[in-house]
């Protein structure tokens, strides 16, 4: 499965990210093609997303989810709107 994810990462449109894991604060963790880590509030593992960067550091960025291009099977819709 990891080989499939690696192939997918290489073929994503620019600006799209694949979330690999969750951090201790339940933010999605993704990597840009240049290797920079992006922590994405609201994203789940195995989702393909776009995000808006709120904070930039040398080795990482913090961002907020703006669009989900492919949902994770772990995402659950709330019962009430």
PDB file of N, CA and C in Angstrom:
ATOM      1  N   UNK A   1       0.821  -1.198   0.000  1.00  0.00           N
ATOM      2  CA  UNK A   1       0.000   0.000   0.000  1.00  0.00           C
ATOM      3  C   UNK A   1       0.859   1.254   0.000  1.00  0.00           C
ATOM      4  N   UNK A   2       1.990   1.257   0.682  1.00  0.00           N
ATOM      5  CA  UNK A   2       2.841   2.444   0.717  1.00  0.00           C
ATOM      6  C   UNK A   2       3.401   2.764  -0.661  1.00  0.00           C
ATOM      7  N   UNK A   3       3.657   1.728  -1.476  1.00  0.00           N
ATOM      8  CA  UNK A   3       4.143   1.956  -2.835  1.00  0.00           C
ATOM      9  C   UNK A   3       3.076   2.684  -3.648  1.00  0.00           C
ATOM     10  N   UNK A   4       1.822   2.304  -3.452  1.00  0.00           N
ATOM     11  CA  UNK A   4       0.705   2.951  -4.140  1.00  0.00           C
ATOM     12  C   UNK A   4       0.609   4.422  -3.749  1.00  0.00           C
ATOM     13  N   UNK A   5       0.792   4.735  -2.473  1.00  0.00           N
ATOM     14  CA  UNK A   5       0.738   6.114  -1.993  1.00  0.00           C
ATOM     15  C   UNK A   5       1.885   6.924  -2.578  1.00  0.00           C
ATOM     16  N   UNK A   6       3.099   6.342  -2.657  1.00  0.00           N
ATOM     17  CA  UNK A   6       4.250   7.044  -3.226  1.00  0.00           C
ATOM     18  C   UNK A   6       4.004   7.402  -4.689  1.00  0.00           C
ATOM     19  N   UNK A   7       3.458   6.476  -5.460  1.00  0.00           N
ATOM     20  CA  UNK A   7       3.160   6.743  -6.872  1.00  0.00           C
ATOM     21  C   UNK A   7       2.127   7.858  -6.971  1.00  0.00           C
ATOM     22  N   UNK A   8       1.102   7.792  -6.121  1.00  0.00           N
ATOM     23  CA  UNK A   8       0.047   8.806  -6.129  1.00  0.00           C
ATOM     24  C   UNK A   8       0.606  10.187  -5.803  1.00  0.00           C
ATOM     25  N   UNK A   9       1.503  10.292  -4.829  1.00  0.00           N
ATOM     26  CA  UNK A   9       2.077  11.580  -4.434  1.00  0.00           C
ATOM     27  C   UNK A   9       2.784  12.241  -5.607  1.00  0.00           C
ATOM     28  N   UNK A  10       3.454  11.459  -6.432  1.00  0.00           N
ATOM     29  CA  UNK A  10       4.197  12.012  -7.559  1.00  0.00           C
ATOM     30  C   UNK A  10       3.272  12.535  -8.650  1.00  0.00           C
ATOM     31  N   UNK A  11       2.038  12.009  -8.716  1.00  0.00           N
ATOM     32  CA  UNK A  11       1.139  12.398  -9.799  1.00  0.00           C
ATOM     33  C   UNK A  11       0.061  13.401  -9.377  1.00  0.00           C
ATOM     34  N   UNK A  12       0.135  13.931  -8.160  1.00  0.00           N
ATOM     35  CA  UNK A  12      -0.859  14.899  -7.695  1.00  0.00           C
ATOM     36  C   UNK A  12      -0.656  16.264  -8.351  1.00  0.00           C
ATOM     37  N   UNK A  13      -1.741  17.000  -8.593  1.00  0.00           N
ATOM     38  CA  UNK A  13      -1.606  18.373  -9.085  1.00  0.00           C
ATOM     39  C   UNK A  13      -0.865  19.242  -8.066  1.00  0.00           C
ATOM     40  N   UNK A  14      -0.254  20.296  -8.547  1.00  0.00           N
ATOM     41  CA  UNK A  14       0.501  21.195  -7.667  1.00  0.00           C
ATOM     42  C   UNK A  14      -0.412  21.786  -6.595  1.00  0.00           C
ATOM     43  N   UNK A  15       0.072  21.805  -5.363  1.00  0.00           N
ATOM     44  CA  UNK A  15      -0.686  22.353  -4.248  1.00  0.00           C
ATOM     45  C   UNK A  15      -1.522  21.327  -3.502  1.00  0.00           C
ATOM     46  N   UNK A  16      -1.703  20.132  -4.070  1.00  0.00           N
ATOM     47  CA  UNK A  16      -2.443  19.079  -3.390  1.00  0.00           C
ATOM     48  C   UNK A  16      -1.470  18.296  -2.523  1.00  0.00           C
ATOM     49  N   UNK A  17      -1.930  17.850  -1.360  1.00  0.00           N
ATOM     50  CA  UNK A  17      -1.095  17.104  -0.426  1.00  0.00           C
ATOM     51  C   UNK A  17      -1.786  15.812  -0.014  1.00  0.00           C
ATOM     52  N   UNK A  18      -0.992  14.761   0.193  1.00  0.00           N
ATOM     53  CA  UNK A  18      -1.505  13.508   0.737  1.00  0.00           C
ATOM     54  C   UNK A  18      -1.138  13.449   2.205  1.00  0.00           C
ATOM     55  N   UNK A  19      -2.134  13.291   3.055  1.00  0.00           N
ATOM     56  CA  UNK A  19      -1.913  13.240   4.500  1.00  0.00           C
ATOM     57  C   UNK A  19      -1.489  11.823   4.873  1.00  0.00           C
ATOM     58  N   UNK A  20      -0.359  11.718   5.592  1.00  0.00           N
ATOM     59  CA  UNK A  20       0.210  10.418   5.946  1.00  0.00           C
ATOM     60  C   UNK A  20      -0.172   9.947   7.338  1.00  0.00           C
ATOM     61  N   UNK A  21      -0.386  10.875   8.274  1.00  0.00           N
ATOM     62  CA  UNK A  21      -0.588  10.500   9.677  1.00  0.00           C
ATOM     63  C   UNK A  21      -1.239  11.651  10.431  1.00  0.00           C
ATOM     64  N   UNK A  22      -1.482  11.417  11.717  1.00  0.00           N
ATOM     65  CA  UNK A  22      -1.934  12.467  12.630  1.00  0.00           C
ATOM     66  C   UNK A  22      -0.828  12.729  13.636  1.00  0.00           C
ATOM     67  N   UNK A  23      -0.688  13.998  14.062  1.00  0.00           N
ATOM     68  CA  UNK A  23       0.278  14.306  15.119  1.00  0.00           C
ATOM     69  C   UNK A  23      -0.424  14.234  16.472  1.00  0.00           C
ATOM     70  N   UNK A  24       0.287  14.571  17.523  1.00  0.00           N
ATOM     71  CA  UNK A  24      -0.248  14.482  18.883  1.00  0.00           C
ATOM     72  C   UNK A  24      -1.434  15.424  19.114  1.00  0.00           C
ATOM     73  N   UNK A  25      -1.553  16.482  18.300  1.00  0.00           N
ATOM     74  CA  UNK A  25      -2.666  17.430  18.405  1.00  0.00           C
ATOM     75  C   UNK A  25      -3.798  17.106  17.428  1.00  0.00           C
ATOM     76  N   UNK A  26      -3.767  15.918  16.823  1.00  0.00           N
ATOM     77  CA  UNK A  26      -4.777  15.448  15.863  1.00  0.00           C
ATOM     78  C   UNK A  26      -4.812  16.278  14.585  1.00  0.00           C
ATOM     79  N   UNK A  27      -3.686  16.852  14.198  1.00  0.00           N
ATOM     80  CA  UNK A  27      -3.568  17.543  12.914  1.00  0.00           C
ATOM     81  C   UNK A  27      -3.007  16.552  11.897  1.00  0.00           C
ATOM     82  N   UNK A  28      -3.477  16.640  10.663  1.00  0.00           N
ATOM     83  CA  UNK A  28      -2.925  15.800   9.617  1.00  0.00           C
ATOM     84  C   UNK A  28      -1.488  16.192   9.324  1.00  0.00           C
ATOM     85  N   UNK A  29      -0.644  15.199   9.023  1.00  0.00           N
ATOM     86  CA  UNK A  29       0.763  15.439   8.709  1.00  0.00           C
ATOM     87  C   UNK A  29       0.997  15.043   7.256  1.00  0.00           C
ATOM     88  N   UNK A  30       1.492  15.998   6.470  1.00  0.00           N
ATOM     89  CA  UNK A  30       1.799  15.755   5.063  1.00  0.00           C
ATOM     90  C   UNK A  30       3.179  16.322   4.763  1.00  0.00           C
ATOM     91  N   UNK A  31       3.735  15.956   3.614  1.00  0.00           N
ATOM     92  CA  UNK A  31       5.034  16.493   3.183  1.00  0.00           C
ATOM     93  C   UNK A  31       4.891  17.069   1.786  1.00  0.00           C
ATOM     94  N   UNK A  32       5.463  18.242   1.614  1.00  0.00           N
ATOM     95  CA  UNK A  32       5.518  18.853   0.283  1.00  0.00           C
ATOM     96  C   UNK A  32       6.577  18.109  -0.537  1.00  0.00           C
ATOM     97  N   UNK A  33       6.564  18.257  -1.857  1.00  0.00           N
ATOM     98  CA  UNK A  33       7.575  17.596  -2.690  1.00  0.00           C
ATOM     99  C   UNK A  33       9.015  17.955  -2.303  1.00  0.00           C
ATOM    100  N   UNK A  34       9.226  19.157  -1.729  1.00  0.00           N
ATOM    101  CA  UNK A  34      10.578  19.547  -1.314  1.00  0.00           C
ATOM    102  C   UNK A  34      10.961  18.968   0.051  1.00  0.00           C
ATOM    103  N   UNK A  35      10.042  18.204   0.681  1.00  0.00           N
ATOM    104  CA  UNK A  35      10.328  17.559   1.957  1.00  0.00           C
ATOM    105  C   UNK A  35       9.835  18.306   3.180  1.00  0.00           C
ATOM    106  N   UNK A  36       9.348  19.529   3.005  1.00  0.00           N
ATOM    107  CA  UNK A  36       8.862  20.315   4.144  1.00  0.00           C
ATOM    108  C   UNK A  36       7.592  19.683   4.710  1.00  0.00           C
ATOM    109  N   UNK A  37       7.534  19.559   6.042  1.00  0.00           N
ATOM    110  CA  UNK A  37       6.379  18.982   6.726  1.00  0.00           C
ATOM    111  C   UNK A  37       5.285  20.039   6.848  1.00  0.00           C
ATOM    112  N   UNK A  38       4.040  19.619   6.608  1.00  0.00           N
ATOM    113  CA  UNK A  38       2.889  20.509   6.735  1.00  0.00           C
ATOM    114  C   UNK A  38       1.900  19.866   7.710  1.00  0.00           C
ATOM    115  N   UNK A  39       1.559  20.597   8.776  1.00  0.00           N
ATOM    116  CA  UNK A  39       0.561  20.158   9.743  1.00  0.00           C
ATOM    117  C   UNK A  39      -0.761  20.800   9.341  1.00  0.00           C
ATOM    118  N   UNK A  40      -1.784  19.975   9.067  1.00  0.00           N
ATOM    119  CA  UNK A  40      -3.037  20.483   8.513  1.00  0.00           C
ATOM    120  C   UNK A  40      -4.192  20.220   9.478  1.00  0.00           C
ATOM    121  N   UNK A  41      -4.731  21.299  10.034  1.00  0.00           N
ATOM    122  CA  UNK A  41      -5.873  21.189  10.941  1.00  0.00           C
ATOM    123  C   UNK A  41      -7.097  20.726  10.159  1.00  0.00           C
ATOM    124  N   UNK A  42      -7.742  19.666  10.632  1.00  0.00           N
ATOM    125  CA  UNK A  42      -8.964  19.170  10.002  1.00  0.00           C
ATOM    126  C   UNK A  42      -8.759  18.058   8.994  1.00  0.00           C
ATOM    127  N   UNK A  43      -7.519  17.670   8.710  1.00  0.00           N
ATOM    128  CA  UNK A  43      -7.252  16.620   7.734  1.00  0.00           C
ATOM    129  C   UNK A  43      -7.008  15.280   8.432  1.00  0.00           C
ATOM    130  N   UNK A  44      -7.382  14.190   7.746  1.00  0.00           N
ATOM    131  CA  UNK A  44      -7.206  12.837   8.271  1.00  0.00           C
ATOM    132  C   UNK A  44      -6.227  12.052   7.406  1.00  0.00           C
ATOM    133  N   UNK A  45      -5.620  10.997   7.966  1.00  0.00           N
ATOM    134  CA  UNK A  45      -4.701  10.169   7.180  1.00  0.00           C
ATOM    135  C   UNK A  45      -5.366   9.621   5.918  1.00  0.00           C
ATOM    136  N   UNK A  46      -4.585   9.534   4.855  1.00  0.00           N
ATOM    137  CA  UNK A  46      -4.966   8.996   3.545  1.00  0.00           C
ATOM    138  C   UNK A  46      -5.896   9.909   2.755  1.00  0.00           C
ATOM    139  N   UNK A  47      -6.087  11.148   3.202  1.00  0.00           N
ATOM    140  CA  UNK A  47      -6.859  12.103   2.414  1.00  0.00           C
ATOM    141  C   UNK A  47      -5.921  12.872   1.491  1.00  0.00           C
ATOM    142  N   UNK A  48      -6.463  13.290   0.364  1.00  0.00           N
ATOM    143  CA  UNK A  48      -5.759  14.191  -0.546  1.00  0.00           C
ATOM    144  C   UNK A  48      -6.465  15.530  -0.400  1.00  0.00           C
ATOM    145  N   UNK A  49      -5.699  16.564  -0.021  1.00  0.00           N
ATOM    146  CA  UNK A  49      -6.306  17.841   0.359  1.00  0.00           C
ATOM    147  C   UNK A  49      -5.555  19.033  -0.227  1.00  0.00           C
ATOM    148  N   UNK A  50      -6.218  20.184  -0.168  1.00  0.00           N
ATOM    149  CA  UNK A  50      -5.579  21.484  -0.360  1.00  0.00           C
ATOM    150  C   UNK A  50      -5.691  22.199   0.978  1.00  0.00           C
ATOM    151  N   UNK A  51      -4.700  23.027   1.292  1.00  0.00           N
ATOM    152  CA  UNK A  51      -4.699  23.704   2.586  1.00  0.00           C
ATOM    153  C   UNK A  51      -4.148  25.113   2.451  1.00  0.00           C
ATOM    154  N   UNK A  52      -4.597  25.984   3.350  1.00  0.00           N
ATOM    155  CA  UNK A  52      -4.137  27.367   3.402  1.00  0.00           C
ATOM    156  C   UNK A  52      -3.127  27.501   4.542  1.00  0.00           C
ATOM    157  N   UNK A  53      -1.925  27.957   4.226  1.00  0.00           N
ATOM    158  CA  UNK A  53      -0.853  28.056   5.219  1.00  0.00           C
ATOM    159  C   UNK A  53      -1.082  29.255   6.137  1.00  0.00           C
ATOM    160  N   UNK A  54      -1.036  29.000   7.457  1.00  0.00           N
ATOM    161  CA  UNK A  54      -1.206  30.045   8.470  1.00  0.00           C
ATOM    162  C   UNK A  54       0.119  30.488   9.074  1.00  0.00           C
ATOM    163  N   UNK A  55       1.078  29.576   9.127  1.00  0.00           N
ATOM    164  CA  UNK A  55       2.357  29.850   9.789  1.00  0.00           C
ATOM    165  C   UNK A  55       3.468  29.091   9.070  1.00  0.00           C
ATOM    166  N   UNK A  56       4.581  29.771   8.817  1.00  0.00           N
ATOM    167  CA  UNK A  56       5.722  29.156   8.128  1.00  0.00           C
ATOM    168  C   UNK A  56       6.964  29.212   9.000  1.00  0.00           C
ATOM    169  N   UNK A  57       7.671  28.104   9.054  1.00  0.00           N
ATOM    170  CA  UNK A  57       8.977  28.009   9.706  1.00  0.00           C
ATOM    171  C   UNK A  57       9.937  27.390   8.697  1.00  0.00           C
ATOM    172  N   UNK A  58      11.223  27.290   9.061  1.00  0.00           N
ATOM    173  CA  UNK A  58      12.206  26.742   8.124  1.00  0.00           C
ATOM    174  C   UNK A  58      11.888  25.313   7.687  1.00  0.00           C
ATOM    175  N   UNK A  59      11.505  24.451   8.632  1.00  0.00           N
ATOM    176  CA  UNK A  59      11.320  23.035   8.321  1.00  0.00           C
ATOM    177  C   UNK A  59       9.869  22.571   8.294  1.00  0.00           C
ATOM    178  N   UNK A  60       8.934  23.450   8.659  1.00  0.00           N
ATOM    179  CA  UNK A  60       7.536  23.032   8.695  1.00  0.00           C
ATOM    180  C   UNK A  60       6.593  24.206   8.470  1.00  0.00           C
ATOM    181  N   UNK A  61       5.346  23.864   8.168  1.00  0.00           N
ATOM    182  CA  UNK A  61       4.283  24.855   8.005  1.00  0.00           C
ATOM    183  C   UNK A  61       3.042  24.361   8.742  1.00  0.00           C
ATOM    184  N   UNK A  62       2.233  25.298   9.208  1.00  0.00           N
ATOM    185  CA  UNK A  62       0.953  24.970   9.826  1.00  0.00           C
ATOM    186  C   UNK A  62      -0.128  25.513   8.899  1.00  0.00           C
ATOM    187  N   UNK A  63      -1.135  24.695   8.619  1.00  0.00           N
ATOM    188  CA  UNK A  63      -2.154  25.084   7.646  1.00  0.00           C
ATOM    189  C   UNK A  63      -3.542  24.651   8.102  1.00  0.00           C
ATOM    190  N   UNK A  64      -4.543  25.230   7.448  1.00  0.00           N
ATOM    191  CA  UNK A  64      -5.938  24.871   7.685  1.00  0.00           C
ATOM    192  C   UNK A  64      -6.493  24.252   6.412  1.00  0.00           C
ATOM    193  N   UNK A  65      -7.240  23.203   6.564  1.00  0.00           N
ATOM    194  CA  UNK A  65      -7.859  22.498   5.451  1.00  0.00           C
ATOM    195  C   UNK A  65      -8.783  23.437   4.679  1.00  0.00           C
ATOM    196  N   UNK A  66      -8.638  23.483   3.350  1.00  0.00           N
ATOM    197  CA  UNK A  66      -9.533  24.301   2.529  1.00  0.00           C
ATOM    198  C   UNK A  66     -10.421  23.447   1.630  1.00  0.00           C
ATOM    199  N   UNK A  67      -9.902  22.290   1.186  1.00  0.00           N
ATOM    200  CA  UNK A  67     -10.690  21.425   0.309  1.00  0.00           C
ATOM    201  C   UNK A  67     -10.191  19.989   0.424  1.00  0.00           C
ATOM    202  N   UNK A  68     -11.139  19.060   0.431  1.00  0.00           N
ATOM    203  CA  UNK A  68     -10.799  17.634   0.428  1.00  0.00           C
ATOM    204  C   UNK A  68     -11.049  17.118  -0.982  1.00  0.00           C
ATOM    205  N   UNK A  69     -10.005  16.626  -1.625  1.00  0.00           N
ATOM    206  CA  UNK A  69     -10.131  16.100  -2.985  1.00  0.00           C
ATOM    207  C   UNK A  69     -10.468  14.610  -2.974  1.00  0.00           C
ATOM    208  N   UNK A  70      -9.992  13.915  -1.941  1.00  0.00           N
ATOM    209  CA  UNK A  70     -10.349  12.507  -1.736  1.00  0.00           C
ATOM    210  C   UNK A  70     -10.459  12.256  -0.239  1.00  0.00           C
ATOM    211  N   UNK A  71     -11.638  11.845   0.219  1.00  0.00           N
ATOM    212  CA  UNK A  71     -11.887  11.622   1.648  1.00  0.00           C
ATOM    213  C   UNK A  71     -11.273  10.320   2.130  1.00  0.00           C
ATOM    214  N   UNK A  72     -10.902  10.313   3.401  1.00  0.00           N
ATOM    215  CA  UNK A  72     -10.435   9.107   4.072  1.00  0.00           C
ATOM    216  C   UNK A  72     -11.637   8.241   4.430  1.00  0.00           C
ATOM    217  N   UNK A  73     -11.431   6.934   4.457  1.00  0.00           N
ATOM    218  CA  UNK A  73     -12.496   6.033   4.907  1.00  0.00           C
ATOM    219  C   UNK A  73     -12.738   6.200   6.407  1.00  0.00           C
ATOM    220  N   UNK A  74     -11.832   6.887   7.108  1.00  0.00           N
ATOM    221  CA  UNK A  74     -11.954   7.116   8.546  1.00  0.00           C
ATOM    222  C   UNK A  74     -12.825   8.332   8.879  1.00  0.00           C
ATOM    223  N   UNK A  75     -13.173   9.131   7.890  1.00  0.00           N
ATOM    224  CA  UNK A  75     -13.986  10.329   8.132  1.00  0.00           C
ATOM    225  C   UNK A  75     -15.446   9.924   8.347  1.00  0.00           C
ATOM    226  N   UNK A  76     -16.054  10.476   9.387  1.00  0.00           N
ATOM    227  CA  UNK A  76     -17.446  10.179   9.722  1.00  0.00           C
ATOM    228  C   UNK A  76     -18.241  11.476   9.655  1.00  0.00           C
ATOM    229  N   UNK A  77     -19.366  11.435   8.973  1.00  0.00           N
ATOM    230  CA  UNK A  77     -20.228  12.615   8.876  1.00  0.00           C
ATOM    231  C   UNK A  77     -21.060  12.739  10.156  1.00  0.00           C
ATOM    232  N   UNK A  78     -21.238  13.970  10.674  1.00  0.00           N
ATOM    233  CA  UNK A  78     -22.062  14.151  11.871  1.00  0.00           C
ATOM    234  C   UNK A  78     -23.532  13.844  11.576  1.00  0.00           C
ATOM    235  N   UNK A  79     -24.243  13.353  12.582  1.00  0.00           N
ATOM    236  CA  UNK A  79     -25.659  13.018  12.403  1.00  0.00           C
ATOM    237  C   UNK A  79     -26.519  14.253  12.194  1.00  0.00           C
ATOM    238  N   UNK A  80     -26.215  15.323  12.924  1.00  0.00           N
ATOM    239  CA  UNK A  80     -27.020  16.537  12.785  1.00  0.00           C
ATOM    240  C   UNK A  80     -26.213  17.621  12.064  1.00  0.00           C
ATOM    241  N   UNK A  81     -26.898  18.455  11.281  1.00  0.00           N
ATOM    242  CA  UNK A  81     -26.202  19.481  10.488  1.00  0.00           C
ATOM    243  C   UNK A  81     -25.624  20.620  11.267  1.00  0.00           C
TER     244      UNK A  81
END
